[in-house]
Amino acid sequence: MRRLALPLLAVLVDAAGSNPGASIVQHGAPGGIIPCKVCHGMQLQGNAAMGAPPLAGLPEGTTIAALAAIAAGQQGKNFAMRDVARALTPVQRKAVAAYLAGLKRGPAS
């Protein structure tokens, strides 16, 4: 089993352009994880019409804490977001948070 882990990691890193979080944000992931850009906008600057806040440029800790609170039902009222937050593993949450933190903040769309 150990032999399978390294090739799988290589595929994940390669597909995401060296950051698995980028792949999740852009393409989603198995288990009901839809791409973040579907609701939060192509540039992740938010979508006021949907009530989706901007994500680009948020500090990692802010994103990780928000995902944990959403998954626990302590923040937000969007059931789709709750399901996504619950489906993300801690490693995926960290990868997404790191990717989002590296993006430029801008005005909400």
PDB file of N, CA and C in Angstrom:
ATOM      1  N   MET A   1       0.822  -1.201   0.000  1.00  0.00           N
ATOM      2  CA  MET A   1       0.000   0.000   0.000  1.00  0.00           C
ATOM      3  C   MET A   1       0.862   1.258   0.000  1.00  0.00           C
ATOM      4  N   ARG A   2       1.983   1.188   0.623  1.00  0.00           N
ATOM      5  CA  ARG A   2       2.855   2.349   0.668  1.00  0.00           C
ATOM      6  C   ARG A   2       3.298   2.771  -0.732  1.00  0.00           C
ATOM      7  N   ARG A   3       3.504   1.814  -1.611  1.00  0.00           N
ATOM      8  CA  ARG A   3       3.909   2.127  -2.977  1.00  0.00           C
ATOM      9  C   ARG A   3       2.840   2.929  -3.716  1.00  0.00           C
ATOM     10  N   LEU A   4       1.587   2.681  -3.404  1.00  0.00           N
ATOM     11  CA  LEU A   4       0.504   3.393  -4.067  1.00  0.00           C
ATOM     12  C   LEU A   4       0.384   4.836  -3.604  1.00  0.00           C
ATOM     13  N   ALA A   5       0.750   5.105  -2.364  1.00  0.00           N
ATOM     14  CA  ALA A   5       0.579   6.446  -1.812  1.00  0.00           C
ATOM     15  C   ALA A   5       1.415   7.481  -2.552  1.00  0.00           C
ATOM     16  N   LEU A   6       2.657   7.180  -2.841  1.00  0.00           N
ATOM     17  CA  LEU A   6       3.514   8.160  -3.503  1.00  0.00           C
ATOM     18  C   LEU A   6       3.070   8.462  -4.928  1.00  0.00           C
ATOM     19  N   PRO A   7       2.749   7.470  -5.763  1.00  0.00           N
ATOM     20  CA  PRO A   7       2.244   7.821  -7.090  1.00  0.00           C
ATOM     21  C   PRO A   7       0.938   8.609  -7.036  1.00  0.00           C
ATOM     22  N   LEU A   8       0.060   8.260  -6.107  1.00  0.00           N
ATOM     23  CA  LEU A   8      -1.190   8.998  -5.978  1.00  0.00           C
ATOM     24  C   LEU A   8      -0.921  10.442  -5.602  1.00  0.00           C
ATOM     25  N   LEU A   9      -0.009  10.670  -4.683  1.00  0.00           N
ATOM     26  CA  LEU A   9       0.351  12.028  -4.292  1.00  0.00           C
ATOM     27  C   LEU A   9       0.926  12.785  -5.485  1.00  0.00           C
ATOM     28  N   ALA A  10       1.755  12.117  -6.273  1.00  0.00           N
ATOM     29  CA  ALA A  10       2.347  12.756  -7.447  1.00  0.00           C
ATOM     30  C   ALA A  10       1.266  13.173  -8.441  1.00  0.00           C
ATOM     31  N   VAL A  11       0.261  12.341  -8.624  1.00  0.00           N
ATOM     32  CA  VAL A  11      -0.836  12.669  -9.532  1.00  0.00           C
ATOM     33  C   VAL A  11      -1.617  13.864  -9.003  1.00  0.00           C
ATOM     34  N   LEU A  12      -1.909  13.876  -7.717  1.00  0.00           N
ATOM     35  CA  LEU A  12      -2.644  14.999  -7.128  1.00  0.00           C
ATOM     36  C   LEU A  12      -1.872  16.302  -7.265  1.00  0.00           C
ATOM     37  N   VAL A  13      -0.589  16.261  -6.971  1.00  0.00           N
ATOM     38  CA  VAL A  13       0.224  17.471  -7.043  1.00  0.00           C
ATOM     39  C   VAL A  13       0.342  17.932  -8.486  1.00  0.00           C
ATOM     40  N   ASP A  14       0.587  17.019  -9.420  1.00  0.00           N
ATOM     41  CA  ASP A  14       0.739  17.379 -10.817  1.00  0.00           C
ATOM     42  C   ASP A  14      -0.558  17.953 -11.387  1.00  0.00           C
ATOM     43  N   ALA A  15      -1.681  17.324 -11.093  1.00  0.00           N
ATOM     44  CA  ALA A  15      -2.972  17.772 -11.623  1.00  0.00           C
ATOM     45  C   ALA A  15      -3.342  19.149 -11.106  1.00  0.00           C
ATOM     46  N   ALA A  16      -2.876  19.496  -9.943  1.00  0.00           N
ATOM     47  CA  ALA A  16      -3.229  20.774  -9.337  1.00  0.00           C
ATOM     48  C   ALA A  16      -2.191  21.847  -9.599  1.00  0.00           C
ATOM     49  N   GLY A  17      -1.189  21.559 -10.402  1.00  0.00           N
ATOM     50  CA  GLY A  17      -0.154  22.554 -10.656  1.00  0.00           C
ATOM     51  C   GLY A  17       0.659  22.817  -9.415  1.00  0.00           C
ATOM     52  N   SER A  18       1.009  21.811  -8.672  1.00  0.00           N
ATOM     53  CA  SER A  18       1.814  21.811  -7.456  1.00  0.00           C
ATOM     54  C   SER A  18       1.037  22.220  -6.212  1.00  0.00           C
ATOM     55  N   ASN A  19      -0.260  22.408  -6.323  1.00  0.00           N
ATOM     56  CA  ASN A  19      -1.069  22.705  -5.149  1.00  0.00           C
ATOM     57  C   ASN A  19      -2.417  21.999  -5.291  1.00  0.00           C
ATOM     58  N   PRO A  20      -2.633  20.937  -4.520  1.00  0.00           N
ATOM     59  CA  PRO A  20      -3.917  20.231  -4.615  1.00  0.00           C
ATOM     60  C   PRO A  20      -5.116  21.136  -4.355  1.00  0.00           C
ATOM     61  N   GLY A  21      -4.932  22.196  -3.586  1.00  0.00           N
ATOM     62  CA  GLY A  21      -6.024  23.121  -3.314  1.00  0.00           C
ATOM     63  C   GLY A  21      -6.536  23.797  -4.575  1.00  0.00           C
ATOM     64  N   ALA A  22      -5.640  24.071  -5.513  1.00  0.00           N
ATOM     65  CA  ALA A  22      -6.042  24.695  -6.773  1.00  0.00           C
ATOM     66  C   ALA A  22      -6.989  23.788  -7.542  1.00  0.00           C
ATOM     67  N   SER A  23      -6.711  22.506  -7.525  1.00  0.00           N
ATOM     68  CA  SER A  23      -7.573  21.554  -8.231  1.00  0.00           C
ATOM     69  C   SER A  23      -8.961  21.505  -7.607  1.00  0.00           C
ATOM     70  N   ILE A  24      -9.032  21.508  -6.289  1.00  0.00           N
ATOM     71  CA  ILE A  24     -10.333  21.481  -5.608  1.00  0.00           C
ATOM     72  C   ILE A  24     -11.115  22.759  -5.909  1.00  0.00           C
ATOM     73  N   VAL A  25     -10.442  23.891  -5.824  1.00  0.00           N
ATOM     74  CA  VAL A  25     -11.100  25.178  -6.080  1.00  0.00           C
ATOM     75  C   VAL A  25     -11.625  25.243  -7.509  1.00  0.00           C
ATOM     76  N   GLN A  26     -10.830  24.777  -8.463  1.00  0.00           N
ATOM     77  CA  GLN A  26     -11.187  24.896  -9.877  1.00  0.00           C
ATOM     78  C   GLN A  26     -12.080  23.775 -10.393  1.00  0.00           C
ATOM     79  N   HIS A  27     -11.883  22.551  -9.864  1.00  0.00           N
ATOM     80  CA  HIS A  27     -12.564  21.389 -10.435  1.00  0.00           C
ATOM     81  C   HIS A  27     -13.399  20.588  -9.442  1.00  0.00           C
ATOM     82  N   GLY A  28     -13.299  20.894  -8.150  1.00  0.00           N
ATOM     83  CA  GLY A  28     -13.996  20.104  -7.148  1.00  0.00           C
ATOM     84  C   GLY A  28     -13.242  18.820  -6.862  1.00  0.00           C
ATOM     85  N   ALA A  29     -13.896  17.897  -6.176  1.00  0.00           N
ATOM     86  CA  ALA A  29     -13.268  16.631  -5.809  1.00  0.00           C
ATOM     87  C   ALA A  29     -14.355  15.593  -5.564  1.00  0.00           C
ATOM     88  N   PRO A  30     -13.981  14.325  -5.610  1.00  0.00           N
ATOM     89  CA  PRO A  30     -14.964  13.274  -5.324  1.00  0.00           C
ATOM     90  C   PRO A  30     -15.598  13.458  -3.942  1.00  0.00           C
ATOM     91  N   GLY A  31     -16.770  12.930  -3.773  1.00  0.00           N
ATOM     92  CA  GLY A  31     -17.445  13.004  -2.481  1.00  0.00           C
ATOM     93  C   GLY A  31     -18.390  14.175  -2.355  1.00  0.00           C
ATOM     94  N   GLY A  32     -18.767  14.773  -3.477  1.00  0.00           N
ATOM     95  CA  GLY A  32     -19.718  15.877  -3.426  1.00  0.00           C
ATOM     96  C   GLY A  32     -19.085  17.243  -3.241  1.00  0.00           C
ATOM     97  N   ILE A  33     -17.795  17.352  -3.500  1.00  0.00           N
ATOM     98  CA  ILE A  33     -17.111  18.637  -3.351  1.00  0.00           C
ATOM     99  C   ILE A  33     -17.161  19.364  -4.693  1.00  0.00           C
ATOM    100  N   ILE A  34     -18.044  20.368  -4.768  1.00  0.00           N
ATOM    101  CA  ILE A  34     -18.165  21.127  -6.009  1.00  0.00           C
ATOM    102  C   ILE A  34     -17.069  22.195  -6.045  1.00  0.00           C
ATOM    103  N   PRO A  35     -16.696  22.661  -7.237  1.00  0.00           N
ATOM    104  CA  PRO A  35     -15.663  23.700  -7.331  1.00  0.00           C
ATOM    105  C   PRO A  35     -16.102  24.983  -6.621  1.00  0.00           C
ATOM    106  N   CYS A  36     -15.202  25.591  -5.905  1.00  0.00           N
ATOM    107  CA  CYS A  36     -15.507  26.833  -5.187  1.00  0.00           C
ATOM    108  C   CYS A  36     -15.980  27.924  -6.145  1.00  0.00           C
ATOM    109  N   LYS A  37     -15.397  27.936  -7.359  1.00  0.00           N
ATOM    110  CA  LYS A  37     -15.708  28.999  -8.318  1.00  0.00           C
ATOM    111  C   LYS A  37     -17.164  28.975  -8.784  1.00  0.00           C
ATOM    112  N   VAL A  38     -17.858  27.851  -8.606  1.00  0.00           N
ATOM    113  CA  VAL A  38     -19.259  27.768  -9.032  1.00  0.00           C
ATOM    114  C   VAL A  38     -20.100  28.825  -8.315  1.00  0.00           C
ATOM    115  N   CYS A  39     -19.899  28.983  -7.040  1.00  0.00           N
ATOM    116  CA  CYS A  39     -20.680  29.949  -6.261  1.00  0.00           C
ATOM    117  C   CYS A  39     -19.927  31.244  -5.976  1.00  0.00           C
ATOM    118  N   HIS A  40     -18.621  31.141  -5.774  1.00  0.00           N
ATOM    119  CA  HIS A  40     -17.839  32.297  -5.344  1.00  0.00           C
ATOM    120  C   HIS A  40     -17.244  33.089  -6.504  1.00  0.00           C
ATOM    121  N   GLY A  41     -17.555  32.689  -7.734  1.00  0.00           N
ATOM    122  CA  GLY A  41     -17.097  33.415  -8.913  1.00  0.00           C
ATOM    123  C   GLY A  41     -15.811  32.862  -9.490  1.00  0.00           C
ATOM    124  N   MET A  42     -15.627  33.093 -10.780  1.00  0.00           N
ATOM    125  CA  MET A  42     -14.470  32.553 -11.488  1.00  0.00           C
ATOM    126  C   MET A  42     -13.146  33.011 -10.879  1.00  0.00           C
ATOM    127  N   GLN A  43     -13.102  34.232 -10.374  1.00  0.00           N
ATOM    128  CA  GLN A  43     -11.881  34.761  -9.759  1.00  0.00           C
ATOM    129  C   GLN A  43     -11.954  34.716  -8.229  1.00  0.00           C
ATOM    130  N   LEU A  44     -13.007  34.063  -7.721  1.00  0.00           N
ATOM    131  CA  LEU A  44     -13.216  33.903  -6.275  1.00  0.00           C
ATOM    132  C   LEU A  44     -13.320  35.232  -5.544  1.00  0.00           C
ATOM    133  N   GLN A  45     -13.882  36.219  -6.247  1.00  0.00           N
ATOM    134  CA  GLN A  45     -14.069  37.549  -5.676  1.00  0.00           C
ATOM    135  C   GLN A  45     -15.444  37.697  -5.041  1.00  0.00           C
ATOM    136  N   GLY A  46     -16.211  36.618  -5.014  1.00  0.00           N
ATOM    137  CA  GLY A  46     -17.520  36.633  -4.399  1.00  0.00           C
ATOM    138  C   GLY A  46     -18.634  36.778  -5.420  1.00  0.00           C
ATOM    139  N   ASN A  47     -19.834  36.470  -4.979  1.00  0.00           N
ATOM    140  CA  ASN A  47     -21.024  36.591  -5.816  1.00  0.00           C
ATOM    141  C   ASN A  47     -22.143  37.085  -4.901  1.00  0.00           C
ATOM    142  N   ALA A  48     -22.329  38.390  -4.894  1.00  0.00           N
ATOM    143  CA  ALA A  48     -23.306  39.007  -4.000  1.00  0.00           C
ATOM    144  C   ALA A  48     -24.723  38.496  -4.261  1.00  0.00           C
ATOM    145  N   ALA A  49     -25.049  38.225  -5.524  1.00  0.00           N
ATOM    146  CA  ALA A  49     -26.391  37.750  -5.863  1.00  0.00           C
ATOM    147  C   ALA A  49     -26.698  36.405  -5.196  1.00  0.00           C
ATOM    148  N   MET A  50     -25.676  35.598  -4.981  1.00  0.00           N
ATOM    149  CA  MET A  50     -25.857  34.295  -4.340  1.00  0.00           C
ATOM    150  C   MET A  50     -25.558  34.340  -2.843  1.00  0.00           C
ATOM    151  N   GLY A  51     -25.046  35.461  -2.386  1.00  0.00           N
ATOM    152  CA  GLY A  51     -24.652  35.558  -0.984  1.00  0.00           C
ATOM    153  C   GLY A  51     -23.342  34.839  -0.701  1.00  0.00           C
ATOM    154  N   ALA A  52     -22.540  34.617  -1.750  1.00  0.00           N
ATOM    155  CA  ALA A  52     -21.257  33.932  -1.602  1.00  0.00           C
ATOM    156  C   ALA A  52     -20.151  34.970  -1.426  1.00  0.00           C
ATOM    157  N   PRO A  53     -19.471  34.964  -0.299  1.00  0.00           N
ATOM    158  CA  PRO A  53     -18.449  35.985  -0.036  1.00  0.00           C
ATOM    159  C   PRO A  53     -17.184  35.757  -0.857  1.00  0.00           C
ATOM    160  N   PRO A  54     -16.354  36.800  -0.971  1.00  0.00           N
ATOM    161  CA  PRO A  54     -15.071  36.626  -1.651  1.00  0.00           C
ATOM    162  C   PRO A  54     -14.169  35.693  -0.853  1.00  0.00           C
ATOM    163  N   LEU A  55     -13.400  34.880  -1.557  1.00  0.00           N
ATOM    164  CA  LEU A  55     -12.468  33.956  -0.917  1.00  0.00           C
ATOM    165  C   LEU A  55     -11.017  34.295  -1.220  1.00  0.00           C
ATOM    166  N   ALA A  56     -10.779  34.922  -2.362  1.00  0.00           N
ATOM    167  CA  ALA A  56      -9.411  35.218  -2.786  1.00  0.00           C
ATOM    168  C   ALA A  56      -8.705  36.104  -1.762  1.00  0.00           C
ATOM    169  N   GLY A  57      -7.523  35.686  -1.373  1.00  0.00           N
ATOM    170  CA  GLY A  57      -6.698  36.485  -0.470  1.00  0.00           C
ATOM    171  C   GLY A  57      -6.990  36.331   1.008  1.00  0.00           C
ATOM    172  N   LEU A  58      -7.961  35.498   1.369  1.00  0.00           N
ATOM    173  CA  LEU A  58      -8.230  35.298   2.794  1.00  0.00           C
ATOM    174  C   LEU A  58      -7.053  34.599   3.461  1.00  0.00           C
ATOM    175  N   PRO A  59      -6.710  34.975   4.687  1.00  0.00           N
ATOM    176  CA  PRO A  59      -5.646  34.267   5.394  1.00  0.00           C
ATOM    177  C   PRO A  59      -6.013  32.792   5.593  1.00  0.00           C
ATOM    178  N   GLU A  60      -5.020  31.934   5.557  1.00  0.00           N
ATOM    179  CA  GLU A  60      -5.253  30.491   5.705  1.00  0.00           C
ATOM    180  C   GLU A  60      -6.077  30.166   6.939  1.00  0.00           C
ATOM    181  N   GLY A  61      -5.718  30.746   8.060  1.00  0.00           N
ATOM    182  CA  GLY A  61      -6.417  30.454   9.308  1.00  0.00           C
ATOM    183  C   GLY A  61      -7.883  30.835   9.261  1.00  0.00           C
ATOM    184  N   THR A  62      -8.187  31.923   8.579  1.00  0.00           N
ATOM    185  CA  THR A  62      -9.570  32.365   8.442  1.00  0.00           C
ATOM    186  C   THR A  62     -10.385  31.342   7.670  1.00  0.00           C
ATOM    187  N   THR A  63      -9.827  30.860   6.567  1.00  0.00           N
ATOM    188  CA  THR A  63     -10.530  29.873   5.738  1.00  0.00           C
ATOM    189  C   THR A  63     -10.701  28.557   6.479  1.00  0.00           C
ATOM    190  N   ILE A  64      -9.648  28.099   7.132  1.00  0.00           N
ATOM    191  CA  ILE A  64      -9.717  26.832   7.865  1.00  0.00           C
ATOM    192  C   ILE A  64     -10.750  26.916   8.984  1.00  0.00           C
ATOM    193  N   ALA A  65     -10.754  28.014   9.720  1.00  0.00           N
ATOM    194  CA  ALA A  65     -11.722  28.188  10.807  1.00  0.00           C
ATOM    195  C   ALA A  65     -13.148  28.271  10.263  1.00  0.00           C
ATOM    196  N   ALA A  66     -13.331  28.985   9.157  1.00  0.00           N
ATOM    197  CA  ALA A  66     -14.667  29.113   8.574  1.00  0.00           C
ATOM    198  C   ALA A  66     -15.181  27.756   8.087  1.00  0.00           C
ATOM    199  N   LEU A  67     -14.327  26.980   7.428  1.00  0.00           N
ATOM    200  CA  LEU A  67     -14.744  25.662   6.958  1.00  0.00           C
ATOM    201  C   LEU A  67     -15.126  24.755   8.119  1.00  0.00           C
ATOM    202  N   ALA A  68     -14.374  24.825   9.199  1.00  0.00           N
ATOM    203  CA  ALA A  68     -14.698  24.012  10.381  1.00  0.00           C
ATOM    204  C   ALA A  68     -16.039  24.438  10.980  1.00  0.00           C
ATOM    205  N   ALA A  69     -16.257  25.749  11.078  1.00  0.00           N
ATOM    206  CA  ALA A  69     -17.507  26.257  11.647  1.00  0.00           C
ATOM    207  C   ALA A  69     -18.700  25.924  10.751  1.00  0.00           C
ATOM    208  N   ILE A  70     -18.517  26.029   9.448  1.00  0.00           N
ATOM    209  CA  ILE A  70     -19.598  25.697   8.508  1.00  0.00           C
ATOM    210  C   ILE A  70     -19.921  24.214   8.598  1.00  0.00           C
ATOM    211  N   ALA A  71     -18.890  23.376   8.620  1.00  0.00           N
ATOM    212  CA  ALA A  71     -19.096  21.927   8.710  1.00  0.00           C
ATOM    213  C   ALA A  71     -19.824  21.547   9.991  1.00  0.00           C
ATOM    214  N   ALA A  72     -19.546  22.263  11.066  1.00  0.00           N
ATOM    215  CA  ALA A  72     -20.167  21.971  12.363  1.00  0.00           C
ATOM    216  C   ALA A  72     -21.560  22.589  12.500  1.00  0.00           C
ATOM    217  N   GLY A  73     -21.990  23.339  11.477  1.00  0.00           N
ATOM    218  CA  GLY A  73     -23.302  23.978  11.536  1.00  0.00           C
ATOM    219  C   GLY A  73     -23.328  25.217  12.402  1.00  0.00           C
ATOM    220  N   GLN A  74     -22.177  25.781  12.715  1.00  0.00           N
ATOM    221  CA  GLN A  74     -22.089  26.961  13.575  1.00  0.00           C
ATOM    222  C   GLN A  74     -22.023  28.262  12.791  1.00  0.00           C
ATOM    223  N   GLN A  75     -21.877  28.168  11.477  1.00  0.00           N
ATOM    224  CA  GLN A  75     -21.753  29.369  10.651  1.00  0.00           C
ATOM    225  C   GLN A  75     -22.422  29.107   9.314  1.00  0.00           C
ATOM    226  N   GLY A  76     -23.090  30.108   8.785  1.00  0.00           N
ATOM    227  CA  GLY A  76     -23.713  30.001   7.476  1.00  0.00           C
ATOM    228  C   GLY A  76     -25.008  29.213   7.489  1.00  0.00           C
ATOM    229  N   LYS A  77     -25.781  29.397   6.420  1.00  0.00           N
ATOM    230  CA  LYS A  77     -27.072  28.726   6.307  1.00  0.00           C
ATOM    231  C   LYS A  77     -27.208  27.983   4.985  1.00  0.00           C
ATOM    232  N   ASN A  78     -26.153  27.954   4.188  1.00  0.00           N
ATOM    233  CA  ASN A  78     -26.200  27.332   2.878  1.00  0.00           C
ATOM    234  C   ASN A  78     -25.896  25.844   3.008  1.00  0.00           C
ATOM    235  N   PHE A  79     -26.887  25.024   2.675  1.00  0.00           N
ATOM    236  CA  PHE A  79     -26.728  23.576   2.839  1.00  0.00           C
ATOM    237  C   PHE A  79     -25.677  22.997   1.909  1.00  0.00           C
ATOM    238  N   ALA A  80     -25.557  23.539   0.699  1.00  0.00           N
ATOM    239  CA  ALA A  80     -24.538  23.037  -0.233  1.00  0.00           C
ATOM    240  C   ALA A  80     -23.143  23.307   0.321  1.00  0.00           C
ATOM    241  N   MET A  81     -22.950  24.497   0.869  1.00  0.00           N
ATOM    242  CA  MET A  81     -21.634  24.833   1.445  1.00  0.00           C
ATOM    243  C   MET A  81     -21.355  23.969   2.669  1.00  0.00           C
ATOM    244  N   ARG A  82     -22.371  23.725   3.460  1.00  0.00           N
ATOM    245  CA  ARG A  82     -22.193  22.864   4.627  1.00  0.00           C
ATOM    246  C   ARG A  82     -21.751  21.468   4.199  1.00  0.00           C
ATOM    247  N   ASP A  83     -22.399  20.938   3.174  1.00  0.00           N
ATOM    248  CA  ASP A  83     -22.042  19.606   2.693  1.00  0.00           C
ATOM    249  C   ASP A  83     -20.614  19.570   2.141  1.00  0.00           C
ATOM    250  N   VAL A  84     -20.231  20.616   1.421  1.00  0.00           N
ATOM    251  CA  VAL A  84     -18.856  20.687   0.904  1.00  0.00           C
ATOM    252  C   VAL A  84     -17.867  20.748   2.062  1.00  0.00           C
ATOM    253  N   ALA A  85     -18.126  21.606   3.026  1.00  0.00           N
ATOM    254  CA  ALA A  85     -17.212  21.738   4.170  1.00  0.00           C
ATOM    255  C   ALA A  85     -17.079  20.419   4.930  1.00  0.00           C
ATOM    256  N   ARG A  86     -18.178  19.698   5.072  1.00  0.00           N
ATOM    257  CA  ARG A  86     -18.139  18.407   5.756  1.00  0.00           C
ATOM    258  C   ARG A  86     -17.379  17.363   4.956  1.00  0.00           C
ATOM    259  N   ALA A  87     -17.461  17.433   3.628  1.00  0.00           N
ATOM    260  CA  ALA A  87     -16.808  16.445   2.778  1.00  0.00           C
ATOM    261  C   ALA A  87     -15.299  16.653   2.676  1.00  0.00           C
ATOM    262  N   LEU A  88     -14.837  17.884   2.872  1.00  0.00           N
ATOM    263  CA  LEU A  88     -13.399  18.153   2.792  1.00  0.00           C
ATOM    264  C   LEU A  88     -12.667  17.534   3.974  1.00  0.00           C
ATOM    265  N   THR A  89     -11.561  16.871   3.687  1.00  0.00           N
ATOM    266  CA  THR A  89     -10.721  16.340   4.753  1.00  0.00           C
ATOM    267  C   THR A  89      -9.888  17.489   5.328  1.00  0.00           C
ATOM    268  N   PRO A  90      -9.302  17.319   6.502  1.00  0.00           N
ATOM    269  CA  PRO A  90      -8.426  18.371   7.033  1.00  0.00           C
ATOM    270  C   PRO A  90      -7.282  18.726   6.077  1.00  0.00           C
ATOM    271  N   VAL A  91      -6.736  17.741   5.395  1.00  0.00           N
ATOM    272  CA  VAL A  91      -5.652  18.001   4.439  1.00  0.00           C
ATOM    273  C   VAL A  91      -6.171  18.827   3.265  1.00  0.00           C
ATOM    274  N   GLN A  92      -7.359  18.495   2.779  1.00  0.00           N
ATOM    275  CA  GLN A  92      -7.958  19.266   1.685  1.00  0.00           C
ATOM    276  C   GLN A  92      -8.290  20.687   2.122  1.00  0.00           C
ATOM    277  N   ARG A  93      -8.800  20.840   3.320  1.00  0.00           N
ATOM    278  CA  ARG A  93      -9.099  22.187   3.830  1.00  0.00           C
ATOM    279  C   ARG A  93      -7.844  23.043   3.861  1.00  0.00           C
ATOM    280  N   LYS A  94      -6.758  22.475   4.340  1.00  0.00           N
ATOM    281  CA  LYS A  94      -5.493  23.210   4.419  1.00  0.00           C
ATOM    282  C   LYS A  94      -4.990  23.568   3.020  1.00  0.00           C
ATOM    283  N   ALA A  95      -5.105  22.629   2.083  1.00  0.00           N
ATOM    284  CA  ALA A  95      -4.647  22.890   0.718  1.00  0.00           C
ATOM    285  C   ALA A  95      -5.473  23.995   0.064  1.00  0.00           C
ATOM    286  N   VAL A  96      -6.779  23.952   0.243  1.00  0.00           N
ATOM    287  CA  VAL A  96      -7.648  24.993  -0.310  1.00  0.00           C
ATOM    288  C   VAL A  96      -7.322  26.337   0.335  1.00  0.00           C
ATOM    289  N   ALA A  97      -7.163  26.354   1.640  1.00  0.00           N
ATOM    290  CA  ALA A  97      -6.859  27.592   2.354  1.00  0.00           C
ATOM    291  C   ALA A  97      -5.539  28.192   1.884  1.00  0.00           C
ATOM    292  N   ALA A  98      -4.536  27.351   1.682  1.00  0.00           N
ATOM    293  CA  ALA A  98      -3.232  27.841   1.211  1.00  0.00           C
ATOM    294  C   ALA A  98      -3.354  28.434  -0.186  1.00  0.00           C
ATOM    295  N   TYR A  99      -4.107  27.765  -1.041  1.00  0.00           N
ATOM    296  CA  TYR A  99      -4.296  28.282  -2.398  1.00  0.00           C
ATOM    297  C   TYR A  99      -5.024  29.628  -2.378  1.00  0.00           C
ATOM    298  N   LEU A 100      -6.120  29.704  -1.645  1.00  0.00           N
ATOM    299  CA  LEU A 100      -6.895  30.944  -1.580  1.00  0.00           C
ATOM    300  C   LEU A 100      -6.078  32.096  -1.017  1.00  0.00           C
ATOM    301  N   ALA A 101      -5.249  31.814  -0.024  1.00  0.00           N
ATOM    302  CA  ALA A 101      -4.430  32.861   0.600  1.00  0.00           C
ATOM    303  C   ALA A 101      -3.452  33.478  -0.393  1.00  0.00           C
ATOM    304  N   GLY A 102      -3.056  32.712  -1.386  1.00  0.00           N
ATOM    305  CA  GLY A 102      -2.104  33.210  -2.376  1.00  0.00           C
ATOM    306  C   GLY A 102      -2.733  33.993  -3.515  1.00  0.00           C
ATOM    307  N   LEU A 103      -4.046  34.077  -3.548  1.00  0.00           N
ATOM    308  CA  LEU A 103      -4.717  34.811  -4.625  1.00  0.00           C
ATOM    309  C   LEU A 103      -4.876  36.278  -4.272  1.00  0.00           C
ATOM    310  N   LYS A 104      -4.955  37.095  -5.302  1.00  0.00           N
ATOM    311  CA  LYS A 104      -5.119  38.542  -5.117  1.00  0.00           C
ATOM    312  C   LYS A 104      -6.569  38.847  -4.749  1.00  0.00           C
ATOM    313  N   ARG A 105      -6.724  39.648  -3.728  1.00  0.00           N
ATOM    314  CA  ARG A 105      -8.061  40.135  -3.341  1.00  0.00           C
ATOM    315  C   ARG A 105      -8.502  41.207  -4.311  1.00  0.00           C
ATOM    316  N   GLY A 106      -9.797  41.277  -4.518  1.00  0.00           N
ATOM    317  CA  GLY A 106     -10.337  42.296  -5.397  1.00  0.00           C
ATOM    318  C   GLY A 106     -11.775  42.575  -5.033  1.00  0.00           C
ATOM    319  N   PRO A 107     -12.441  43.428  -5.791  1.00  0.00           N
ATOM    320  CA  PRO A 107     -13.836  43.740  -5.488  1.00  0.00           C
ATOM    321  C   PRO A 107     -14.738  42.548  -5.765  1.00  0.00           C
ATOM    322  N   ALA A 108     -15.806  42.447  -5.006  1.00  0.00           N
ATOM    323  CA  ALA A 108     -16.788  41.372  -5.217  1.00  0.00           C
ATOM    324  C   ALA A 108     -17.485  41.593  -6.552  1.00  0.00           C
ATOM    325  N   SER A 109     -17.834  40.473  -7.187  1.00  0.00           N
ATOM    326  CA  SER A 109     -18.510  40.594  -8.482  1.00  0.00           C
ATOM    327  C   SER A 109     -20.004  40.557  -8.314  1.00  0.00           C
TER     328      SER A 109
END
